[in-house]
Amino acid sequence: MSEVTWRPLTKADAQSSADLLNAIEVVDQIGENYTADDTLQELNDPFSDLERASLAAFDGDRMIGYMKTRHKQYPEKVHRVFLDGGVHPDYRRRGIGTRLVKAGIAGAKTVHELHHPTLKLAVDIHKAEHIAGTAELFGAQGFSPARYFQRLERPLGTVGDAALPAGFQAEPWSAEIDEEFRLVRNESYQDHWGATPVATDAWQNKFANHTMQPEISFLLRDKATGTPVSLVLTMSWAADTATTGIRDAHFMLIGTIPGYRKQGLGSAVLAHALRAAADHGYDQASLSVDSGGPADSAGMFTRAGFTPKMRYVRWVFEA
């Protein structure tokens, strides 16, 4: 290995980032594969300050590690800055990860002081529980496990018909109702742990991007009042399909606004999306559930045929 060089990430690093993440996937096996378009989407995130709060390590022209942060636009009480990163398997246990995590904490403090200095700061890292060395690395830098999330999957070979409750209609995503999708997400997620409102520019970058699948993303509407009340927004990654041969419909957002809960609407729109995914040739559906969230949401997914596949830890550093 030649001398490691360090610099902030730039938007020109999309392919190098994809190559690094794909090398990490070979060992860590978390089911995430990337194209340059995927990583460019993340590098274009309006709430990732690459100049002030990112760092990448290079061996020659090869990216061997990186970290970047994502700050919140509208936090309440606690400003949770998300820290993401990784180290190439061939370069682990050489101190690169430690330097990146320390730089991530420093970068999080920098963007926090710029945007929300009067709030409390927490730095979050989200990693699959089985990845070797993460507990030691994060624990040594003052992070503690604060929350657990479960990836659930369901094969789509035996999906039945999905009738909607009387008085409601499902509408697939379109540009004309994209704003209603965003507003339903914000209202239905307002009581979710760590969730904050998503503004229009962040919505376009994080959700309504090239991985979103309009034909299996639905808004459920109350026909009597015209009120949009529930949603499923689905994503799928071409790189995952190319690598695994499996077309996965990932239900990134599932939610119902508070005034319409406990009527079976979430289950109904979920079943509708499952039927649509099967009809469009997807092999499986997946989603992530907060293990500390409402017990009825986990039960809804179990009843819909989803089973646990992988657990994630949310590590938190409180500054």
C-alpha atoms as a PDB file:
ATOM      1  CA  MET A   1       0.000   0.000   0.000  1.00  0.00           C
ATOM      2  CA  SER A   2       1.287   3.421  -0.943  1.00  0.00           C
ATOM      3  CA  GLU A   3       0.834   6.369   1.379  1.00  0.00           C
ATOM      4  CA  VAL A   4      -2.830   7.036   2.148  1.00  0.00           C
ATOM      5  CA  THR A   5      -4.067  10.457   1.060  1.00  0.00           C
ATOM      6  CA  TRP A   6      -7.075  12.234   2.517  1.00  0.00           C
ATOM      7  CA  ARG A   7      -9.473  14.841   1.171  1.00  0.00           C
ATOM      8  CA  PRO A   8     -13.194  15.748   1.269  1.00  0.00           C
ATOM      9  CA  LEU A   9     -15.574  13.947  -1.050  1.00  0.00           C
ATOM     10  CA  THR A  10     -16.688  15.690  -4.241  1.00  0.00           C
ATOM     11  CA  LYS A  11     -19.421  14.968  -6.764  1.00  0.00           C
ATOM     12  CA  ALA A  12     -16.714  13.678  -9.090  1.00  0.00           C
ATOM     13  CA  ASP A  13     -16.240  10.709  -6.730  1.00  0.00           C
ATOM     14  CA  ALA A  14     -19.452   8.921  -7.722  1.00  0.00           C
ATOM     15  CA  GLN A  15     -17.803   5.991  -9.514  1.00  0.00           C
ATOM     16  CA  SER A  16     -15.024   5.612  -6.931  1.00  0.00           C
ATOM     17  CA  SER A  17     -17.649   5.596  -4.178  1.00  0.00           C
ATOM     18  CA  ALA A  18     -19.698   2.947  -5.983  1.00  0.00           C
ATOM     19  CA  ASP A  19     -16.608   0.773  -6.468  1.00  0.00           C
ATOM     20  CA  LEU A  20     -15.761   1.022  -2.770  1.00  0.00           C
ATOM     21  CA  LEU A  21     -19.305   0.247  -1.601  1.00  0.00           C
ATOM     22  CA  ASN A  22     -19.526  -2.750  -3.931  1.00  0.00           C
ATOM     23  CA  ALA A  23     -16.232  -4.099  -2.557  1.00  0.00           C
ATOM     24  CA  ILE A  24     -17.597  -3.663   0.972  1.00  0.00           C
ATOM     25  CA  GLU A  25     -20.774  -5.545   0.016  1.00  0.00           C
ATOM     26  CA  VAL A  26     -18.797  -8.620  -1.060  1.00  0.00           C
ATOM     27  CA  VAL A  27     -17.664  -9.096   2.548  1.00  0.00           C
ATOM     28  CA  ASP A  28     -20.389  -7.485   4.662  1.00  0.00           C
ATOM     29  CA  GLN A  29     -23.329  -8.954   2.713  1.00  0.00           C
ATOM     30  CA  ILE A  30     -25.956  -6.365   3.625  1.00  0.00           C
ATOM     31  CA  GLY A  31     -27.766  -6.506   0.293  1.00  0.00           C
ATOM     32  CA  GLU A  32     -26.658  -3.089  -0.997  1.00  0.00           C
ATOM     33  CA  ASN A  33     -25.107  -2.700  -4.440  1.00  0.00           C
ATOM     34  CA  TYR A  34     -24.444   0.580  -6.207  1.00  0.00           C
ATOM     35  CA  THR A  35     -24.110   2.271  -9.567  1.00  0.00           C
ATOM     36  CA  ALA A  36     -22.435   5.642 -10.022  1.00  0.00           C
ATOM     37  CA  ASP A  37     -25.913   7.172 -10.410  1.00  0.00           C
ATOM     38  CA  ASP A  38     -26.840   5.849  -6.957  1.00  0.00           C
ATOM     39  CA  THR A  39     -23.798   7.331  -5.244  1.00  0.00           C
ATOM     40  CA  LEU A  40     -24.099  10.599  -7.168  1.00  0.00           C
ATOM     41  CA  GLN A  41     -27.637  10.905  -5.781  1.00  0.00           C
ATOM     42  CA  GLU A  42     -26.182  10.750  -2.278  1.00  0.00           C
ATOM     43  CA  LEU A  43     -23.332  13.135  -3.090  1.00  0.00           C
ATOM     44  CA  ASN A  44     -25.914  15.615  -4.399  1.00  0.00           C
ATOM     45  CA  ASP A  45     -27.838  15.546  -1.126  1.00  0.00           C
ATOM     46  CA  PRO A  46     -28.552  19.201  -0.226  1.00  0.00           C
ATOM     47  CA  PHE A  47     -28.024  18.391   3.468  1.00  0.00           C
ATOM     48  CA  SER A  48     -24.631  16.728   3.082  1.00  0.00           C
ATOM     49  CA  ASP A  49     -21.943  19.395   3.397  1.00  0.00           C
ATOM     50  CA  LEU A  50     -19.130  17.668   1.530  1.00  0.00           C
ATOM     51  CA  GLU A  51     -16.616  20.479   1.965  1.00  0.00           C
ATOM     52  CA  ARG A  52     -17.019  20.820   5.732  1.00  0.00           C
ATOM     53  CA  ALA A  53     -18.211  17.392   6.827  1.00  0.00           C
ATOM     54  CA  SER A  54     -16.912  14.611   4.611  1.00  0.00           C
ATOM     55  CA  LEU A  55     -13.610  12.797   4.245  1.00  0.00           C
ATOM     56  CA  ALA A  56     -12.289  10.122   1.912  1.00  0.00           C
ATOM     57  CA  ALA A  57      -9.114   8.027   2.048  1.00  0.00           C
ATOM     58  CA  PHE A  58      -7.262   7.010  -1.106  1.00  0.00           C
ATOM     59  CA  ASP A  59      -4.514   4.538  -1.942  1.00  0.00           C
ATOM     60  CA  GLY A  60      -3.334   6.076  -5.186  1.00  0.00           C
ATOM     61  CA  ASP A  61      -6.518   6.646  -7.214  1.00  0.00           C
ATOM     62  CA  ARG A  62      -8.456   3.975  -5.317  1.00  0.00           C
ATOM     63  CA  MET A  63     -10.924   5.113  -2.672  1.00  0.00           C
ATOM     64  CA  ILE A  64     -10.424   2.877   0.376  1.00  0.00           C
ATOM     65  CA  GLY A  65     -12.624   4.596   2.936  1.00  0.00           C
ATOM     66  CA  TYR A  66     -15.005   7.485   3.374  1.00  0.00           C
ATOM     67  CA  MET A  67     -17.356   9.260   5.726  1.00  0.00           C
ATOM     68  CA  LYS A  68     -20.014  11.889   5.154  1.00  0.00           C
ATOM     69  CA  THR A  69     -22.694  13.487   7.291  1.00  0.00           C
ATOM     70  CA  ARG A  70     -26.293  14.483   6.721  1.00  0.00           C
ATOM     71  CA  HIS A  71     -27.748  17.218   8.887  1.00  0.00           C
ATOM     72  CA  LYS A  72     -31.432  17.913   9.482  1.00  0.00           C
ATOM     73  CA  GLN A  73     -33.316  20.910   8.151  1.00  0.00           C
ATOM     74  CA  TYR A  74     -36.106  21.035  10.739  1.00  0.00           C
ATOM     75  CA  PRO A  75     -35.004  19.289  13.947  1.00  0.00           C
ATOM     76  CA  GLU A  76     -36.882  19.669  17.211  1.00  0.00           C
ATOM     77  CA  LYS A  77     -35.092  19.629  20.585  1.00  0.00           C
ATOM     78  CA  VAL A  78     -32.334  17.291  19.326  1.00  0.00           C
ATOM     79  CA  HIS A  79     -30.439  17.781  16.082  1.00  0.00           C
ATOM     80  CA  ARG A  80     -29.606  14.270  14.876  1.00  0.00           C
ATOM     81  CA  VAL A  81     -26.739  14.353  12.360  1.00  0.00           C
ATOM     82  CA  PHE A  82     -26.455  11.095  10.437  1.00  0.00           C
ATOM     83  CA  LEU A  83     -22.940   9.746   9.876  1.00  0.00           C
ATOM     84  CA  ASP A  84     -22.343   7.254   7.080  1.00  0.00           C
ATOM     85  CA  GLY A  85     -19.148   5.605   5.947  1.00  0.00           C
ATOM     86  CA  GLY A  86     -17.105   2.490   5.389  1.00  0.00           C
ATOM     87  CA  VAL A  87     -13.649   1.029   4.848  1.00  0.00           C
ATOM     88  CA  HIS A  88     -12.551  -1.335   2.083  1.00  0.00           C
ATOM     89  CA  PRO A  89     -12.188  -4.870   3.519  1.00  0.00           C
ATOM     90  CA  ASP A  90      -8.550  -5.057   2.386  1.00  0.00           C
ATOM     91  CA  TYR A  91      -7.689  -1.970   4.450  1.00  0.00           C
ATOM     92  CA  ARG A  92      -9.490  -2.639   7.721  1.00  0.00           C
ATOM     93  CA  ARG A  93      -7.842  -2.709  11.152  1.00  0.00           C
ATOM     94  CA  ARG A  94      -5.248  -0.147  10.112  1.00  0.00           C
ATOM     95  CA  GLY A  95      -6.764   2.849  11.911  1.00  0.00           C
ATOM     96  CA  ILE A  96      -8.598   4.202   8.862  1.00  0.00           C
ATOM     97  CA  GLY A  97     -12.039   3.599  10.355  1.00  0.00           C
ATOM     98  CA  THR A  98     -11.050   5.276  13.619  1.00  0.00           C
ATOM     99  CA  ARG A  99      -9.826   8.373  11.806  1.00  0.00           C
ATOM    100  CA  LEU A 100     -13.009   8.513   9.726  1.00  0.00           C
ATOM    101  CA  VAL A 101     -15.311   8.211  12.747  1.00  0.00           C
ATOM    102  CA  LYS A 102     -13.401  10.925  14.610  1.00  0.00           C
ATOM    103  CA  ALA A 103     -13.589  13.143  11.534  1.00  0.00           C
ATOM    104  CA  GLY A 104     -17.299  12.383  11.290  1.00  0.00           C
ATOM    105  CA  ILE A 105     -17.925  13.548  14.846  1.00  0.00           C
ATOM    106  CA  ALA A 106     -15.941  16.715  14.168  1.00  0.00           C
ATOM    107  CA  GLY A 107     -17.827  17.315  10.916  1.00  0.00           C
ATOM    108  CA  ALA A 108     -21.166  16.777  12.653  1.00  0.00           C
ATOM    109  CA  LYS A 109     -20.224  19.375  15.266  1.00  0.00           C
ATOM    110  CA  THR A 110     -19.253  21.801  12.509  1.00  0.00           C
ATOM    111  CA  VAL A 111     -22.546  21.580  10.599  1.00  0.00           C
ATOM    112  CA  HIS A 112     -24.465  21.585  13.874  1.00  0.00           C
ATOM    113  CA  GLU A 113     -22.898  24.881  14.894  1.00  0.00           C
ATOM    114  CA  LEU A 114     -23.689  26.308  11.458  1.00  0.00           C
ATOM    115  CA  HIS A 115     -27.349  25.303  11.373  1.00  0.00           C
ATOM    116  CA  HIS A 116     -28.766  24.505  14.825  1.00  0.00           C
ATOM    117  CA  PRO A 117     -26.320  25.663  17.522  1.00  0.00           C
ATOM    118  CA  THR A 118     -29.007  26.145  20.191  1.00  0.00           C
ATOM    119  CA  LEU A 119     -30.167  22.514  20.086  1.00  0.00           C
ATOM    120  CA  LYS A 120     -28.660  19.406  21.590  1.00  0.00           C
ATOM    121  CA  LEU A 121     -26.517  17.409  19.133  1.00  0.00           C
ATOM    122  CA  ALA A 122     -26.656  13.651  18.588  1.00  0.00           C
ATOM    123  CA  VAL A 123     -24.612  11.810  15.959  1.00  0.00           C
ATOM    124  CA  ASP A 124     -26.265   8.678  14.552  1.00  0.00           C
ATOM    125  CA  ILE A 125     -24.673   5.700  12.766  1.00  0.00           C
ATOM    126  CA  HIS A 126     -26.838   2.938  11.277  1.00  0.00           C
ATOM    127  CA  LYS A 127     -25.085  -0.387  10.643  1.00  0.00           C
ATOM    128  CA  ALA A 128     -26.043  -4.032  10.257  1.00  0.00           C
ATOM    129  CA  GLU A 129     -25.452  -5.826  13.533  1.00  0.00           C
ATOM    130  CA  HIS A 130     -23.404  -8.671  12.032  1.00  0.00           C
ATOM    131  CA  ILE A 131     -20.618  -6.527  10.525  1.00  0.00           C
ATOM    132  CA  ALA A 132     -17.404  -7.476  12.303  1.00  0.00           C
ATOM    133  CA  GLY A 133     -15.652  -4.814  14.358  1.00  0.00           C
ATOM    134  CA  THR A 134     -18.395  -2.193  14.397  1.00  0.00           C
ATOM    135  CA  ALA A 135     -19.192  -2.500  18.103  1.00  0.00           C
ATOM    136  CA  GLU A 136     -15.520  -2.081  19.030  1.00  0.00           C
ATOM    137  CA  LEU A 137     -14.982   0.806  16.602  1.00  0.00           C
ATOM    138  CA  PHE A 138     -18.033   2.828  17.564  1.00  0.00           C
ATOM    139  CA  GLY A 139     -17.864   2.003  21.258  1.00  0.00           C
ATOM    140  CA  ALA A 140     -14.259   3.238  21.430  1.00  0.00           C
ATOM    141  CA  GLN A 141     -15.389   6.629  20.101  1.00  0.00           C
ATOM    142  CA  GLY A 142     -18.217   7.050  22.592  1.00  0.00           C
ATOM    143  CA  PHE A 143     -21.169   5.662  20.637  1.00  0.00           C
ATOM    144  CA  SER A 144     -23.795   3.497  22.341  1.00  0.00           C
ATOM    145  CA  PRO A 145     -26.523   1.299  20.815  1.00  0.00           C
ATOM    146  CA  ALA A 146     -29.790   3.232  21.113  1.00  0.00           C
ATOM    147  CA  ARG A 147     -32.263   1.572  18.758  1.00  0.00           C
ATOM    148  CA  TYR A 148     -32.690  -1.549  16.664  1.00  0.00           C
ATOM    149  CA  PHE A 149     -34.253  -1.921  13.233  1.00  0.00           C
ATOM    150  CA  GLN A 150     -35.208  -5.087  11.392  1.00  0.00           C
ATOM    151  CA  ARG A 151     -35.141  -5.721   7.664  1.00  0.00           C
ATOM    152  CA  LEU A 152     -38.146  -7.842   6.690  1.00  0.00           C
ATOM    153  CA  GLU A 153     -38.686  -9.673   3.413  1.00  0.00           C
ATOM    154  CA  ARG A 154     -41.560 -11.419   1.688  1.00  0.00           C
ATOM    155  CA  PRO A 155     -41.505 -13.519  -1.508  1.00  0.00           C
ATOM    156  CA  LEU A 156     -44.098 -12.462  -4.065  1.00  0.00           C
ATOM    157  CA  GLY A 157     -44.990 -15.820  -5.532  1.00  0.00           C
ATOM    158  CA  THR A 158     -48.204 -16.242  -3.521  1.00  0.00           C
ATOM    159  CA  VAL A 159     -49.811 -12.800  -3.321  1.00  0.00           C
ATOM    160  CA  GLY A 160     -53.582 -12.770  -3.240  1.00  0.00           C
ATOM    161  CA  ASP A 161     -56.018 -10.122  -4.436  1.00  0.00           C
ATOM    162  CA  ALA A 162     -56.134  -6.915  -2.411  1.00  0.00           C
ATOM    163  CA  ALA A 163     -59.515  -5.236  -1.944  1.00  0.00           C
ATOM    164  CA  LEU A 164     -59.512  -1.682  -0.621  1.00  0.00           C
ATOM    165  CA  PRO A 165     -61.896  -0.583   2.151  1.00  0.00           C
ATOM    166  CA  ALA A 166     -65.139   0.981   0.961  1.00  0.00           C
ATOM    167  CA  GLY A 167     -64.849   4.722   0.526  1.00  0.00           C
ATOM    168  CA  PHE A 168     -61.148   4.766  -0.322  1.00  0.00           C
ATOM    169  CA  GLN A 169     -59.213   4.676  -3.576  1.00  0.00           C
ATOM    170  CA  ALA A 170     -55.547   4.001  -4.328  1.00  0.00           C
ATOM    171  CA  GLU A 171     -53.716   6.297  -6.734  1.00  0.00           C
ATOM    172  CA  PRO A 172     -50.266   5.456  -8.146  1.00  0.00           C
ATOM    173  CA  TRP A 173     -47.546   8.070  -7.847  1.00  0.00           C
ATOM    174  CA  SER A 174     -47.511  10.809 -10.452  1.00  0.00           C
ATOM    175  CA  ALA A 175     -45.860  14.197 -10.629  1.00  0.00           C
ATOM    176  CA  GLU A 176     -49.254  15.813 -10.087  1.00  0.00           C
ATOM    177  CA  ILE A 177     -49.699  14.259  -6.633  1.00  0.00           C
ATOM    178  CA  ASP A 178     -46.039  14.040  -5.603  1.00  0.00           C
ATOM    179  CA  GLU A 179     -46.515  16.910  -3.144  1.00  0.00           C
ATOM    180  CA  GLU A 180     -49.373  15.041  -1.470  1.00  0.00           C
ATOM    181  CA  PHE A 181     -47.070  12.043  -1.022  1.00  0.00           C
ATOM    182  CA  ARG A 182     -44.569  14.297   0.746  1.00  0.00           C
ATOM    183  CA  LEU A 183     -47.189  15.858   3.003  1.00  0.00           C
ATOM    184  CA  VAL A 184     -48.678  12.486   3.977  1.00  0.00           C
ATOM    185  CA  ARG A 185     -45.203  11.223   4.791  1.00  0.00           C
ATOM    186  CA  ASN A 186     -44.532  14.201   7.035  1.00  0.00           C
ATOM    187  CA  GLU A 187     -47.848  13.946   8.882  1.00  0.00           C
ATOM    188  CA  SER A 188     -47.766  10.162   9.277  1.00  0.00           C
ATOM    189  CA  TYR A 189     -44.144  10.118  10.486  1.00  0.00           C
ATOM    190  CA  GLN A 190     -44.396  12.974  12.973  1.00  0.00           C
ATOM    191  CA  ASP A 191     -44.484  10.537  15.920  1.00  0.00           C
ATOM    192  CA  HIS A 192     -41.738   8.229  14.592  1.00  0.00           C
ATOM    193  CA  TRP A 193     -38.455   8.151  16.501  1.00  0.00           C
ATOM    194  CA  GLY A 194     -35.870  10.479  14.982  1.00  0.00           C
ATOM    195  CA  ALA A 195     -38.110  11.591  12.095  1.00  0.00           C
ATOM    196  CA  THR A 196     -38.328  15.244  11.071  1.00  0.00           C
ATOM    197  CA  PRO A 197     -40.301  16.943   8.284  1.00  0.00           C
ATOM    198  CA  VAL A 198     -38.863  16.462   4.798  1.00  0.00           C
ATOM    199  CA  ALA A 199     -38.680  19.621   2.682  1.00  0.00           C
ATOM    200  CA  THR A 200     -39.238  19.649  -1.066  1.00  0.00           C
ATOM    201  CA  ASP A 201     -35.581  19.623  -2.117  1.00  0.00           C
ATOM    202  CA  ALA A 202     -34.721  16.822   0.297  1.00  0.00           C
ATOM    203  CA  TRP A 203     -37.795  14.875  -0.857  1.00  0.00           C
ATOM    204  CA  GLN A 204     -36.682  15.032  -4.475  1.00  0.00           C
ATOM    205  CA  ASN A 205     -33.188  13.876  -3.589  1.00  0.00           C
ATOM    206  CA  LYS A 206     -33.973  11.172  -1.061  1.00  0.00           C
ATOM    207  CA  PHE A 207     -37.313   9.747  -2.189  1.00  0.00           C
ATOM    208  CA  ALA A 208     -38.664  10.955  -5.562  1.00  0.00           C
ATOM    209  CA  ASN A 209     -35.461  10.020  -7.378  1.00  0.00           C
ATOM    210  CA  HIS A 210     -34.388   7.539 -10.051  1.00  0.00           C
ATOM    211  CA  THR A 211     -34.860   4.527  -7.742  1.00  0.00           C
ATOM    212  CA  MET A 212     -38.511   5.280  -6.897  1.00  0.00           C
ATOM    213  CA  GLN A 213     -41.004   2.947  -8.608  1.00  0.00           C
ATOM    214  CA  PRO A 214     -44.183   4.910  -9.530  1.00  0.00           C
ATOM    215  CA  GLU A 215     -46.187   1.848 -10.553  1.00  0.00           C
ATOM    216  CA  ILE A 216     -45.964   0.347  -7.058  1.00  0.00           C
ATOM    217  CA  SER A 217     -46.062   3.566  -5.015  1.00  0.00           C
ATOM    218  CA  PHE A 218     -49.570   4.471  -3.878  1.00  0.00           C
ATOM    219  CA  LEU A 219     -51.517   7.155  -2.109  1.00  0.00           C
ATOM    220  CA  LEU A 220     -54.768   6.094  -0.420  1.00  0.00           C
ATOM    221  CA  ARG A 221     -57.481   8.768  -0.606  1.00  0.00           C
ATOM    222  CA  ASP A 222     -60.728   9.237   1.289  1.00  0.00           C
ATOM    223  CA  LYS A 223     -63.211   9.594  -1.594  1.00  0.00           C
ATOM    224  CA  ALA A 224     -65.770  11.504   0.481  1.00  0.00           C
ATOM    225  CA  THR A 225     -63.421  14.311   1.484  1.00  0.00           C
ATOM    226  CA  GLY A 226     -60.591  13.994  -1.049  1.00  0.00           C
ATOM    227  CA  THR A 227     -58.125  13.719   1.837  1.00  0.00           C
ATOM    228  CA  PRO A 228     -54.925  11.739   1.160  1.00  0.00           C
ATOM    229  CA  VAL A 229     -54.577   9.521   4.233  1.00  0.00           C
ATOM    230  CA  SER A 230     -52.013   6.762   3.696  1.00  0.00           C
ATOM    231  CA  LEU A 231     -49.068   5.930   1.456  1.00  0.00           C
ATOM    232  CA  VAL A 232     -46.596   3.326   0.330  1.00  0.00           C
ATOM    233  CA  LEU A 233     -43.541   4.616  -1.552  1.00  0.00           C
ATOM    234  CA  THR A 234     -41.446   1.921  -3.194  1.00  0.00           C
ATOM    235  CA  MET A 235     -37.845   1.906  -4.376  1.00  0.00           C
ATOM    236  CA  SER A 236     -35.765  -0.605  -6.294  1.00  0.00           C
ATOM    237  CA  TRP A 237     -32.070  -0.593  -7.176  1.00  0.00           C
ATOM    238  CA  ALA A 238     -30.892  -1.801 -10.579  1.00  0.00           C
ATOM    239  CA  ALA A 239     -27.469  -2.685  -9.158  1.00  0.00           C
ATOM    240  CA  ASP A 240     -29.059  -5.083  -6.661  1.00  0.00           C
ATOM    241  CA  THR A 241     -31.002  -6.839  -9.426  1.00  0.00           C
ATOM    242  CA  ALA A 242     -27.917  -7.080 -11.637  1.00  0.00           C
ATOM    243  CA  THR A 243     -25.863  -8.600  -8.807  1.00  0.00           C
ATOM    244  CA  THR A 244     -28.411 -10.954  -7.237  1.00  0.00           C
ATOM    245  CA  GLY A 245     -30.851 -11.659 -10.048  1.00  0.00           C
ATOM    246  CA  ILE A 246     -33.669 -10.740  -7.630  1.00  0.00           C
ATOM    247  CA  ARG A 247     -36.000  -7.808  -8.285  1.00  0.00           C
ATOM    248  CA  ASP A 248     -36.728  -6.389  -4.863  1.00  0.00           C
ATOM    249  CA  ALA A 249     -39.545  -3.919  -4.235  1.00  0.00           C
ATOM    250  CA  HIS A 250     -38.403  -2.042  -1.149  1.00  0.00           C
ATOM    251  CA  PHE A 251     -41.239  -0.270   0.651  1.00  0.00           C
ATOM    252  CA  MET A 252     -39.234   2.727   1.812  1.00  0.00           C
ATOM    253  CA  LEU A 253     -42.185   4.643   3.272  1.00  0.00           C
ATOM    254  CA  ILE A 254     -45.376   3.220   4.759  1.00  0.00           C
ATOM    255  CA  GLY A 255     -47.608   5.463   6.823  1.00  0.00           C
ATOM    256  CA  THR A 256     -51.115   6.607   7.728  1.00  0.00           C
ATOM    257  CA  ILE A 257     -51.971  10.029   9.113  1.00  0.00           C
ATOM    258  CA  PRO A 258     -53.062   9.968  12.782  1.00  0.00           C
ATOM    259  CA  GLY A 259     -56.764  10.714  12.258  1.00  0.00           C
ATOM    260  CA  TYR A 260     -57.215   7.644  10.041  1.00  0.00           C
ATOM    261  CA  ARG A 261     -55.294   5.023  11.995  1.00  0.00           C
ATOM    262  CA  LYS A 262     -56.709   1.792  13.430  1.00  0.00           C
ATOM    263  CA  GLN A 263     -59.033   1.335  10.447  1.00  0.00           C
ATOM    264  CA  GLY A 264     -56.900  -1.183   8.562  1.00  0.00           C
ATOM    265  CA  LEU A 265     -55.834   1.371   5.954  1.00  0.00           C
ATOM    266  CA  GLY A 266     -52.115   0.688   6.349  1.00  0.00           C
ATOM    267  CA  SER A 267     -52.681  -3.027   5.825  1.00  0.00           C
ATOM    268  CA  ALA A 268     -54.913  -2.289   2.845  1.00  0.00           C
ATOM    269  CA  VAL A 269     -52.482  -0.041   0.990  1.00  0.00           C
ATOM    270  CA  LEU A 270     -49.631  -2.446   1.826  1.00  0.00           C
ATOM    271  CA  ALA A 271     -51.587  -5.375   0.343  1.00  0.00           C
ATOM    272  CA  HIS A 272     -52.390  -3.256  -2.710  1.00  0.00           C
ATOM    273  CA  ALA A 273     -48.683  -2.508  -3.209  1.00  0.00           C
ATOM    274  CA  LEU A 274     -47.760  -6.186  -2.792  1.00  0.00           C
ATOM    275  CA  ARG A 275     -50.262  -7.150  -5.472  1.00  0.00           C
ATOM    276  CA  ALA A 276     -48.918  -4.470  -7.805  1.00  0.00           C
ATOM    277  CA  ALA A 277     -45.308  -5.540  -7.201  1.00  0.00           C
ATOM    278  CA  ALA A 278     -46.179  -9.151  -8.052  1.00  0.00           C
ATOM    279  CA  ASP A 279     -48.058  -8.040 -11.176  1.00  0.00           C
ATOM    280  CA  HIS A 280     -45.028  -6.035 -12.327  1.00  0.00           C
ATOM    281  CA  GLY A 281     -42.666  -8.992 -12.040  1.00  0.00           C
ATOM    282  CA  TYR A 282     -40.874  -8.286  -8.785  1.00  0.00           C
ATOM    283  CA  ASP A 283     -39.542 -11.346  -6.962  1.00  0.00           C
ATOM    284  CA  GLN A 284     -39.765 -10.100  -3.400  1.00  0.00           C
ATOM    285  CA  ALA A 285     -40.770  -7.158  -1.241  1.00  0.00           C
ATOM    286  CA  SER A 286     -38.768  -5.757   1.662  1.00  0.00           C
ATOM    287  CA  LEU A 287     -39.018  -3.055   4.289  1.00  0.00           C
ATOM    288  CA  SER A 288     -37.400  -1.863   7.508  1.00  0.00           C
ATOM    289  CA  VAL A 289     -39.237  -1.670  10.822  1.00  0.00           C
ATOM    290  CA  ASP A 290     -38.213   0.094  14.010  1.00  0.00           C
ATOM    291  CA  SER A 291     -38.040  -2.561  16.730  1.00  0.00           C
ATOM    292  CA  GLY A 292     -38.962   0.101  19.270  1.00  0.00           C
ATOM    293  CA  GLY A 293     -41.936   1.338  17.276  1.00  0.00           C
ATOM    294  CA  PRO A 294     -45.625   0.563  17.767  1.00  0.00           C
ATOM    295  CA  ALA A 295     -46.257  -3.163  18.233  1.00  0.00           C
ATOM    296  CA  ASP A 296     -49.221  -3.062  15.847  1.00  0.00           C
ATOM    297  CA  SER A 297     -47.003  -2.003  12.923  1.00  0.00           C
ATOM    298  CA  ALA A 298     -44.759  -5.053  13.369  1.00  0.00           C
ATOM    299  CA  GLY A 299     -47.875  -7.223  13.590  1.00  0.00           C
ATOM    300  CA  MET A 300     -49.228  -5.735  10.382  1.00  0.00           C
ATOM    301  CA  PHE A 301     -46.106  -6.758   8.492  1.00  0.00           C
ATOM    302  CA  THR A 302     -46.078 -10.241  10.002  1.00  0.00           C
ATOM    303  CA  ARG A 303     -49.696 -10.758   8.984  1.00  0.00           C
ATOM    304  CA  ALA A 304     -48.770  -9.631   5.475  1.00  0.00           C
ATOM    305  CA  GLY A 305     -46.207 -12.454   5.249  1.00  0.00           C
ATOM    306  CA  PHE A 306     -42.967 -10.597   6.017  1.00  0.00           C
ATOM    307  CA  THR A 307     -40.251 -12.357   8.021  1.00  0.00           C
ATOM    308  CA  PRO A 308     -37.065 -10.986   9.671  1.00  0.00           C
ATOM    309  CA  LYS A 309     -33.825 -11.215   7.687  1.00  0.00           C
ATOM    310  CA  MET A 310     -31.288  -8.796   9.185  1.00  0.00           C
ATOM    311  CA  ARG A 311     -31.044  -6.564  12.265  1.00  0.00           C
ATOM    312  CA  TYR A 312     -29.501  -3.105  12.295  1.00  0.00           C
ATOM    313  CA  VAL A 313     -28.159  -1.105  15.227  1.00  0.00           C
ATOM    314  CA  ARG A 314     -28.565   2.656  15.536  1.00  0.00           C
ATOM    315  CA  TRP A 315     -25.448   3.834  17.341  1.00  0.00           C
ATOM    316  CA  VAL A 316     -25.667   7.273  18.955  1.00  0.00           C
ATOM    317  CA  PHE A 317     -23.011   9.701  20.163  1.00  0.00           C
ATOM    318  CA  GLU A 318     -24.438  12.486  22.332  1.00  0.00           C
ATOM    319  CA  ALA A 319     -22.278  15.573  22.213  1.00  0.00           C
END
